[in-house]
């Protein structure tokens, strides 16, 4: 069940608009900052890195 949910989540990310991905990246980065020093921070940063890669593949600089 979890694997199917994850696959659906990433499929939706790939189909999302550039603006939606940027908004999600910002929210996840803020979330990671709030949990600094907590194991959740590492997972959130991993997701931010994935979103950065997806945005870069679309020729968008996520750090702007």
PDB file of N, CA and C in Angstrom:
ATOM      1  N   UNK A   1       0.822  -1.200   0.000  1.00  0.00           N
ATOM      2  CA  UNK A   1       0.000   0.000   0.000  1.00  0.00           C
ATOM      3  C   UNK A   1       0.868   1.267   0.000  1.00  0.00           C
ATOM      4  N   UNK A   2       1.867   1.293   0.845  1.00  0.00           N
ATOM      5  CA  UNK A   2       2.729   2.470   0.917  1.00  0.00           C
ATOM      6  C   UNK A   2       3.466   2.672  -0.403  1.00  0.00           C
ATOM      7  N   UNK A   3       3.947   1.581  -0.993  1.00  0.00           N
ATOM      8  CA  UNK A   3       4.665   1.691  -2.262  1.00  0.00           C
ATOM      9  C   UNK A   3       3.763   2.249  -3.361  1.00  0.00           C
ATOM     10  N   UNK A   4       2.524   1.790  -3.403  1.00  0.00           N
ATOM     11  CA  UNK A   4       1.571   2.299  -4.400  1.00  0.00           C
ATOM     12  C   UNK A   4       1.304   3.783  -4.173  1.00  0.00           C
ATOM     13  N   UNK A   5       1.182   4.192  -2.916  1.00  0.00           N
ATOM     14  CA  UNK A   5       0.969   5.603  -2.598  1.00  0.00           C
ATOM     15  C   UNK A   5       2.168   6.444  -3.027  1.00  0.00           C
ATOM     16  N   UNK A   6       3.365   5.921  -2.792  1.00  0.00           N
ATOM     17  CA  UNK A   6       4.571   6.650  -3.182  1.00  0.00           C
ATOM     18  C   UNK A   6       4.663   6.782  -4.695  1.00  0.00           C
ATOM     19  N   UNK A   7       4.361   5.705  -5.410  1.00  0.00           N
ATOM     20  CA  UNK A   7       4.399   5.763  -6.873  1.00  0.00           C
ATOM     21  C   UNK A   7       3.400   6.788  -7.399  1.00  0.00           C
ATOM     22  N   UNK A   8       2.209   6.813  -6.819  1.00  0.00           N
ATOM     23  CA  UNK A   8       1.186   7.777  -7.233  1.00  0.00           C
ATOM     24  C   UNK A   8       1.650   9.202  -6.930  1.00  0.00           C
ATOM     25  N   UNK A   9       2.278   9.400  -5.778  1.00  0.00           N
ATOM     26  CA  UNK A   9       2.773  10.713  -5.385  1.00  0.00           C
ATOM     27  C   UNK A   9       3.814  11.212  -6.389  1.00  0.00           C
ATOM     28  N   UNK A  10       4.787  10.365  -6.729  1.00  0.00           N
ATOM     29  CA  UNK A  10       5.838  10.792  -7.646  1.00  0.00           C
ATOM     30  C   UNK A  10       5.317  10.959  -9.067  1.00  0.00           C
ATOM     31  N   UNK A  11       4.351  10.164  -9.464  1.00  0.00           N
ATOM     32  CA  UNK A  11       3.731  10.337 -10.781  1.00  0.00           C
ATOM     33  C   UNK A  11       3.045  11.703 -10.842  1.00  0.00           C
ATOM     34  N   UNK A  12       2.357  12.058  -9.766  1.00  0.00           N
ATOM     35  CA  UNK A  12       1.676  13.358  -9.718  1.00  0.00           C
ATOM     36  C   UNK A  12       2.695  14.500  -9.752  1.00  0.00           C
ATOM     37  N   UNK A  13       3.803  14.322  -9.055  1.00  0.00           N
ATOM     38  CA  UNK A  13       4.855  15.343  -9.087  1.00  0.00           C
ATOM     39  C   UNK A  13       5.362  15.568 -10.501  1.00  0.00           C
ATOM     40  N   UNK A  14       5.599  14.484 -11.212  1.00  0.00           N
ATOM     41  CA  UNK A  14       6.122  14.593 -12.568  1.00  0.00           C
ATOM     42  C   UNK A  14       5.130  15.266 -13.506  1.00  0.00           C
ATOM     43  N   UNK A  15       3.846  15.144 -13.211  1.00  0.00           N
ATOM     44  CA  UNK A  15       2.819  15.736 -14.067  1.00  0.00           C
ATOM     45  C   UNK A  15       2.412  17.134 -13.611  1.00  0.00           C
ATOM     46  N   UNK A  16       2.884  17.552 -12.440  1.00  0.00           N
ATOM     47  CA  UNK A  16       2.507  18.845 -11.887  1.00  0.00           C
ATOM     48  C   UNK A  16       3.116  19.995 -12.668  1.00  0.00           C
ATOM     49  N   UNK A  17       2.517  21.150 -12.511  1.00  0.00           N
ATOM     50  CA  UNK A  17       3.046  22.335 -13.184  1.00  0.00           C
ATOM     51  C   UNK A  17       4.327  22.792 -12.484  1.00  0.00           C
ATOM     52  N   UNK A  18       5.088  23.611 -13.171  1.00  0.00           N
ATOM     53  CA  UNK A  18       6.327  24.135 -12.607  1.00  0.00           C
ATOM     54  C   UNK A  18       6.050  24.929 -11.332  1.00  0.00           C
ATOM     55  N   UNK A  19       4.979  25.697 -11.341  1.00  0.00           N
ATOM     56  CA  UNK A  19       4.628  26.512 -10.180  1.00  0.00           C
ATOM     57  C   UNK A  19       4.282  25.636  -8.980  1.00  0.00           C
ATOM     58  N   UNK A  20       3.557  24.544  -9.225  1.00  0.00           N
ATOM     59  CA  UNK A  20       3.201  23.629  -8.138  1.00  0.00           C
ATOM     60  C   UNK A  20       4.448  22.999  -7.526  1.00  0.00           C
ATOM     61  N   UNK A  21       5.391  22.620  -8.378  1.00  0.00           N
ATOM     62  CA  UNK A  21       6.626  22.019  -7.875  1.00  0.00           C
ATOM     63  C   UNK A  21       7.442  23.022  -7.071  1.00  0.00           C
ATOM     64  N   UNK A  22       7.521  24.250  -7.544  1.00  0.00           N
ATOM     65  CA  UNK A  22       8.260  25.281  -6.803  1.00  0.00           C
ATOM     66  C   UNK A  22       7.604  25.540  -5.450  1.00  0.00           C
ATOM     67  N   UNK A  23       6.281  25.598  -5.431  1.00  0.00           N
ATOM     68  CA  UNK A  23       5.561  25.825  -4.179  1.00  0.00           C
ATOM     69  C   UNK A  23       5.798  24.667  -3.207  1.00  0.00           C
ATOM     70  N   UNK A  24       5.730  23.442  -3.711  1.00  0.00           N
ATOM     71  CA  UNK A  24       5.960  22.272  -2.863  1.00  0.00           C
ATOM     72  C   UNK A  24       7.391  22.267  -2.341  1.00  0.00           C
ATOM     73  N   UNK A  25       8.350  22.610  -3.193  1.00  0.00           N
ATOM     74  CA  UNK A  25       9.744  22.643  -2.769  1.00  0.00           C
ATOM     75  C   UNK A  25       9.944  23.641  -1.637  1.00  0.00           C
ATOM     76  N   UNK A  26       9.333  24.810  -1.772  1.00  0.00           N
ATOM     77  CA  UNK A  26       9.440  25.837  -0.737  1.00  0.00           C
ATOM     78  C   UNK A  26       8.845  25.351   0.577  1.00  0.00           C
ATOM     79  N   UNK A  27       7.686  24.722   0.509  1.00  0.00           N
ATOM     80  CA  UNK A  27       7.034  24.222   1.726  1.00  0.00           C
ATOM     81  C   UNK A  27       7.865  23.135   2.402  1.00  0.00           C
ATOM     82  N   UNK A  28       8.420  22.221   1.615  1.00  0.00           N
ATOM     83  CA  UNK A  28       9.223  21.136   2.190  1.00  0.00           C
ATOM     84  C   UNK A  28      10.517  21.695   2.780  1.00  0.00           C
ATOM     85  N   UNK A  29      11.136  22.667   2.114  1.00  0.00           N
ATOM     86  CA  UNK A  29      12.359  23.280   2.634  1.00  0.00           C
ATOM     87  C   UNK A  29      12.075  23.993   3.954  1.00  0.00           C
ATOM     88  N   UNK A  30      10.958  24.697   4.050  1.00  0.00           N
ATOM     89  CA  UNK A  30      10.568  25.351   5.301  1.00  0.00           C
ATOM     90  C   UNK A  30      10.330  24.319   6.399  1.00  0.00           C
ATOM     91  N   UNK A  31       9.695  23.215   6.037  1.00  0.00           N
ATOM     92  CA  UNK A  31       9.431  22.125   6.970  1.00  0.00           C
ATOM     93  C   UNK A  31      10.750  21.562   7.503  1.00  0.00           C
ATOM     94  N   UNK A  32      11.719  21.349   6.617  1.00  0.00           N
ATOM     95  CA  UNK A  32      13.028  20.826   7.026  1.00  0.00           C
ATOM     96  C   UNK A  32      13.710  21.779   7.994  1.00  0.00           C
ATOM     97  N   UNK A  33      13.583  23.074   7.752  1.00  0.00           N
ATOM     98  CA  UNK A  33      14.189  24.074   8.628  1.00  0.00           C
ATOM     99  C   UNK A  33      13.582  24.023  10.023  1.00  0.00           C
ATOM    100  N   UNK A  34      12.271  23.839  10.093  1.00  0.00           N
ATOM    101  CA  UNK A  34      11.601  23.778  11.396  1.00  0.00           C
ATOM    102  C   UNK A  34      12.043  22.569  12.215  1.00  0.00           C
ATOM    103  N   UNK A  35      12.450  21.503  11.542  1.00  0.00           N
ATOM    104  CA  UNK A  35      12.828  20.280  12.241  1.00  0.00           C
ATOM    105  C   UNK A  35      14.342  20.056  12.227  1.00  0.00           C
ATOM    106  N   UNK A  36      15.103  21.127  12.218  1.00  0.00           N
ATOM    107  CA  UNK A  36      16.565  21.027  12.207  1.00  0.00           C
ATOM    108  C   UNK A  36      17.039  20.194  13.394  1.00  0.00           C
ATOM    109  N   UNK A  37      17.943  19.260  13.118  1.00  0.00           N
ATOM    110  CA  UNK A  37      18.471  18.403  14.165  1.00  0.00           C
ATOM    111  C   UNK A  37      17.627  17.173  14.436  1.00  0.00           C
ATOM    112  N   UNK A  38      16.501  17.057  13.783  1.00  0.00           N
ATOM    113  CA  UNK A  38      15.577  15.940  13.949  1.00  0.00           C
ATOM    114  C   UNK A  38      15.734  15.010  12.741  1.00  0.00           C
ATOM    115  N   UNK A  39      15.530  13.697  12.908  1.00  0.00           N
ATOM    116  CA  UNK A  39      15.628  12.783  11.756  1.00  0.00           C
ATOM    117  C   UNK A  39      14.691  13.152  10.598  1.00  0.00           C
ATOM    118  N   UNK A  40      13.611  13.840  10.893  1.00  0.00           N
ATOM    119  CA  UNK A  40      12.679  14.271   9.841  1.00  0.00           C
ATOM    120  C   UNK A  40      13.374  15.236   8.888  1.00  0.00           C
ATOM    121  N   UNK A  41      14.291  16.038   9.426  1.00  0.00           N
ATOM    122  CA  UNK A  41      15.004  17.012   8.594  1.00  0.00           C
ATOM    123  C   UNK A  41      15.718  16.317   7.435  1.00  0.00           C
ATOM    124  N   UNK A  42      16.381  15.200   7.718  1.00  0.00           N
ATOM    125  CA  UNK A  42      17.119  14.482   6.674  1.00  0.00           C
ATOM    126  C   UNK A  42      16.178  14.000   5.577  1.00  0.00           C
ATOM    127  N   UNK A  43      15.034  13.476   5.951  1.00  0.00           N
ATOM    128  CA  UNK A  43      14.073  12.989   4.958  1.00  0.00           C
ATOM    129  C   UNK A  43      13.513  14.142   4.134  1.00  0.00           C
ATOM    130  N   UNK A  44      13.223  15.248   4.797  1.00  0.00           N
ATOM    131  CA  UNK A  44      12.692  16.412   4.083  1.00  0.00           C
ATOM    132  C   UNK A  44      13.733  16.958   3.104  1.00  0.00           C
ATOM    133  N   UNK A  45      14.990  16.992   3.521  1.00  0.00           N
ATOM    134  CA  UNK A  45      16.045  17.479   2.627  1.00  0.00           C
ATOM    135  C   UNK A  45      16.226  16.550   1.429  1.00  0.00           C
ATOM    136  N   UNK A  46      16.032  15.244   1.641  1.00  0.00           N
ATOM    137  CA  UNK A  46      16.096  14.298   0.529  1.00  0.00           C
ATOM    138  C   UNK A  46      15.009  14.617  -0.487  1.00  0.00           C
ATOM    139  N   UNK A  47      13.812  14.924  -0.004  1.00  0.00           N
ATOM    140  CA  UNK A  47      12.714  15.279  -0.899  1.00  0.00           C
ATOM    141  C   UNK A  47      13.002  16.603  -1.604  1.00  0.00           C
ATOM    142  N   UNK A  48      13.579  17.567  -0.905  1.00  0.00           N
ATOM    143  CA  UNK A  48      13.951  18.839  -1.531  1.00  0.00           C
ATOM    144  C   UNK A  48      14.950  18.584  -2.661  1.00  0.00           C
ATOM    145  N   UNK A  49      15.920  17.714  -2.421  1.00  0.00           N
ATOM    146  CA  UNK A  49      16.905  17.393  -3.466  1.00  0.00           C
ATOM    147  C   UNK A  49      16.229  16.754  -4.673  1.00  0.00           C
ATOM    148  N   UNK A  50      15.276  15.862  -4.427  1.00  0.00           N
ATOM    149  CA  UNK A  50      14.546  15.239  -5.535  1.00  0.00           C
ATOM    150  C   UNK A  50      13.780  16.304  -6.327  1.00  0.00           C
ATOM    151  N   UNK A  51      13.115  17.209  -5.616  1.00  0.00           N
ATOM    152  CA  UNK A  51      12.359  18.272  -6.285  1.00  0.00           C
ATOM    153  C   UNK A  51      13.301  19.189  -7.067  1.00  0.00           C
ATOM    154  N   UNK A  52      14.476  19.478  -6.505  1.00  0.00           N
ATOM    155  CA  UNK A  52      15.471  20.284  -7.222  1.00  0.00           C
ATOM    156  C   UNK A  52      15.858  19.617  -8.539  1.00  0.00           C
ATOM    157  N   UNK A  53      16.105  18.308  -8.488  1.00  0.00           N
ATOM    158  CA  UNK A  53      16.473  17.575  -9.702  1.00  0.00           C
ATOM    159  C   UNK A  53      15.349  17.618 -10.736  1.00  0.00           C
ATOM    160  N   UNK A  54      14.123  17.457 -10.282  1.00  0.00           N
ATOM    161  CA  UNK A  54      12.977  17.497 -11.200  1.00  0.00           C
ATOM    162  C   UNK A  54      12.860  18.883 -11.839  1.00  0.00           C
ATOM    163  N   UNK A  55      13.019  19.930 -11.040  1.00  0.00           N
ATOM    164  CA  UNK A  55      12.935  21.290 -11.575  1.00  0.00           C
ATOM    165  C   UNK A  55      14.088  21.574 -12.542  1.00  0.00           C
ATOM    166  N   UNK A  56      15.289  21.128 -12.199  1.00  0.00           N
ATOM    167  CA  UNK A  56      16.429  21.328 -13.096  1.00  0.00           C
ATOM    168  C   UNK A  56      16.231  20.593 -14.410  1.00  0.00           C
ATOM    169  N   UNK A  57      15.600  19.426 -14.365  1.00  0.00           N
ATOM    170  CA  UNK A  57      15.334  18.694 -15.608  1.00  0.00           C
ATOM    171  C   UNK A  57      14.347  19.457 -16.490  1.00  0.00           C
ATOM    172  N   UNK A  58      13.587  20.356 -15.877  1.00  0.00           N
ATOM    173  CA  UNK A  58      12.653  21.207 -16.629  1.00  0.00           C
ATOM    174  C   UNK A  58      13.282  22.555 -16.965  1.00  0.00           C
ATOM    175  N   UNK A  59      14.574  22.676 -16.732  1.00  0.00           N
ATOM    176  CA  UNK A  59      15.330  23.902 -17.025  1.00  0.00           C
ATOM    177  C   UNK A  59      14.903  25.074 -16.137  1.00  0.00           C
ATOM    178  N   UNK A  60      14.567  24.765 -14.877  1.00  0.00           N
ATOM    179  CA  UNK A  60      14.178  25.791 -13.912  1.00  0.00           C
ATOM    180  C   UNK A  60      15.163  25.732 -12.752  1.00  0.00           C
ATOM    181  N   UNK A  61      15.725  26.877 -12.374  1.00  0.00           N
ATOM    182  CA  UNK A  61      16.635  26.925 -11.238  1.00  0.00           C
ATOM    183  C   UNK A  61      15.806  27.049  -9.962  1.00  0.00           C
ATOM    184  N   UNK A  62      15.787  26.008  -9.119  1.00  0.00           N
ATOM    185  CA  UNK A  62      14.958  26.043  -7.916  1.00  0.00           C
ATOM    186  C   UNK A  62      15.479  26.985  -6.844  1.00  0.00           C
ATOM    187  N   UNK A  63      16.688  27.427  -6.963  1.00  0.00           N
ATOM    188  CA  UNK A  63      17.289  28.271  -5.923  1.00  0.00           C
ATOM    189  C   UNK A  63      17.097  29.766  -6.181  1.00  0.00           C
ATOM    190  N   UNK A  64      16.381  30.108  -7.241  1.00  0.00           N
ATOM    191  CA  UNK A  64      16.172  31.535  -7.557  1.00  0.00           C
ATOM    192  C   UNK A  64      15.103  32.126  -6.695  1.00  0.00           C
TER     193      UNK A  64
END
